[in-house]
Amino acid sequence: MEYSTQVIPGINAGGSVMGGVAWAGSYRIDLVKETDLSITRTLFKAHSHIVPNIDLNCYIQRFVDTHMGVKLFFNYNLGFSENHYSYYPLAENPIHGKDKYHMHSFTFGAEVSALLWRK
């Protein structure tokens, strides 16, 4: 969903809300014996998972000329994640668990645009 309106002649403001899905890959941490690199032991393993997210964006744009615009924008992304992991202590059986957390990301930026057509 996107919204844009003219604030005063030559300046527009707008924003958008988008939903999406990201993918978090798997990774692991291994212990390696220094004297014999062929001896490794897994210490921690995180499994890949899907991360649903929502993206909020707002901007203000100034038309410098008929085919050129300058935009300042702010973007906020919130992801909802549930990470499944396995922990392998040195002398015990593996411990399996999951953590729920929110991933936040902010972006401030500026953009110079060549406008091919304009309403």
Protein backbone atom coordinates (compact mmCIF):
# COMPACT_ATOMS: atom_id res chain seq x y z
CA MET A 1 0.00 0.00 0.00
CA GLU A 2 1.45 3.36 -1.00
CA TYR A 3 0.28 6.93 -0.51
CA SER A 4 1.58 10.17 -2.01
CA THR A 5 0.22 13.71 -1.97
CA GLN A 6 1.30 17.19 -3.03
CA VAL A 7 2.09 19.33 0.02
CA ILE A 8 2.74 22.54 -1.90
CA PRO A 9 3.50 22.98 -5.62
CA GLY A 10 6.80 21.22 -6.33
CA ILE A 11 6.93 19.22 -3.07
CA ASN A 12 5.35 15.80 -2.52
CA ALA A 13 5.21 13.67 0.62
CA GLY A 14 4.25 10.05 0.88
CA GLY A 15 4.82 6.68 2.37
CA SER A 16 4.22 2.98 2.01
CA VAL A 17 3.60 -0.14 4.04
CA MET A 18 4.77 -3.50 2.67
CA GLY A 19 4.85 -7.02 4.02
CA GLY A 20 7.36 -9.64 3.04
CA VAL A 21 9.38 -12.71 3.91
CA ALA A 22 13.13 -13.04 4.38
CA TRP A 23 15.25 -16.17 4.75
CA ALA A 24 17.89 -16.59 7.47
CA GLY A 25 20.48 -19.20 6.57
CA SER A 26 21.96 -21.83 8.85
CA TYR A 27 25.39 -21.59 10.45
CA ARG A 28 27.51 -23.45 12.97
CA ILE A 29 30.50 -22.94 15.25
CA ASP A 30 33.14 -25.70 15.34
CA LEU A 31 36.07 -26.30 17.67
CA VAL A 32 39.24 -27.38 15.86
CA LYS A 33 42.29 -28.94 17.51
CA GLU A 34 45.36 -26.84 16.65
CA THR A 35 47.77 -29.77 16.42
CA ASP A 36 45.46 -31.87 14.20
CA LEU A 37 43.15 -29.85 11.94
CA SER A 38 41.22 -32.98 10.97
CA ILE A 39 39.76 -33.20 14.50
CA THR A 40 36.74 -30.92 14.79
CA ARG A 41 33.82 -30.82 17.17
CA THR A 42 30.59 -28.89 16.60
CA LEU A 43 29.81 -26.52 19.47
CA PHE A 44 26.73 -24.66 18.20
CA LYS A 45 24.40 -25.02 15.21
CA ALA A 46 21.60 -22.61 14.17
CA HIS A 47 19.05 -23.85 11.66
CA SER A 48 17.74 -21.86 8.70
CA HIS A 49 14.31 -20.29 9.04
CA ILE A 50 11.82 -17.93 7.43
CA VAL A 51 11.50 -14.38 8.82
CA PRO A 52 8.19 -12.58 8.09
CA ASN A 53 8.62 -8.81 8.13
CA ILE A 54 6.86 -5.48 7.67
CA ASP A 55 8.43 -2.45 6.02
CA LEU A 56 7.35 1.16 6.71
CA ASN A 57 8.63 3.96 4.48
CA CYS A 58 8.05 7.72 4.38
CA TYR A 59 9.54 10.40 2.16
CA ILE A 60 9.45 14.01 1.06
CA GLN A 61 10.35 14.86 -2.55
CA ARG A 62 11.23 18.18 -4.17
CA PHE A 63 10.98 18.59 -7.93
CA VAL A 64 14.07 20.56 -8.94
CA ASP A 65 13.01 20.77 -12.57
CA THR A 66 10.58 19.03 -14.94
CA HIS A 67 12.60 15.80 -15.12
CA MET A 68 14.63 15.83 -11.89
CA GLY A 69 13.66 15.23 -8.28
CA VAL A 70 15.45 15.07 -4.93
CA LYS A 71 14.02 12.82 -2.23
CA LEU A 72 14.76 12.40 1.49
CA PHE A 73 13.45 9.16 2.97
CA PHE A 74 13.23 7.09 6.12
CA ASN A 75 12.69 3.32 6.11
CA TYR A 76 11.92 1.08 9.09
CA ASN A 77 11.87 -2.71 8.81
CA LEU A 78 10.63 -5.05 11.55
CA GLY A 79 11.17 -8.82 11.25
CA PHE A 80 9.63 -11.47 13.49
CA SER A 81 12.00 -14.38 13.93
CA GLU A 82 12.07 -17.70 15.73
CA ASN A 83 15.54 -19.22 15.68
CA HIS A 84 15.93 -22.97 16.35
CA TYR A 85 19.36 -24.00 17.57
CA SER A 86 21.37 -26.91 18.95
CA TYR A 87 24.12 -26.45 21.56
CA TYR A 88 26.66 -29.22 22.09
CA PRO A 89 28.34 -28.87 25.53
CA LEU A 90 31.67 -30.69 25.91
CA ALA A 91 30.51 -33.46 28.29
CA GLU A 92 26.72 -33.63 27.86
CA ASN A 93 24.00 -34.45 25.36
CA PRO A 94 23.00 -31.73 22.89
CA ILE A 95 20.62 -29.02 24.11
CA HIS A 96 17.98 -27.99 21.58
CA GLY A 97 16.04 -24.77 21.92
CA LYS A 98 14.47 -21.81 20.22
CA ASP A 99 14.58 -18.05 20.69
CA LYS A 100 11.95 -15.58 19.52
CA TYR A 101 13.17 -12.10 18.72
CA HIS A 102 12.43 -9.03 16.61
CA MET A 103 14.95 -7.70 14.11
CA HIS A 104 14.87 -3.93 13.58
CA SER A 105 16.53 -2.02 10.79
CA PHE A 106 16.46 1.73 10.07
CA THR A 107 17.58 3.52 6.92
CA PHE A 108 17.87 7.26 6.36
CA GLY A 109 18.77 8.37 2.90
CA ALA A 110 18.65 10.76 -0.01
CA GLU A 111 18.03 10.11 -3.67
CA VAL A 112 18.36 12.10 -6.89
CA SER A 113 15.91 10.90 -9.55
CA ALA A 114 15.60 11.33 -13.29
CA LEU A 115 11.84 11.56 -13.89
CA LEU A 116 10.87 10.04 -17.24
CA TRP A 117 7.26 11.16 -16.84
CA ARG A 118 5.34 13.02 -14.23
CA LYS A 119 1.65 13.24 -13.38
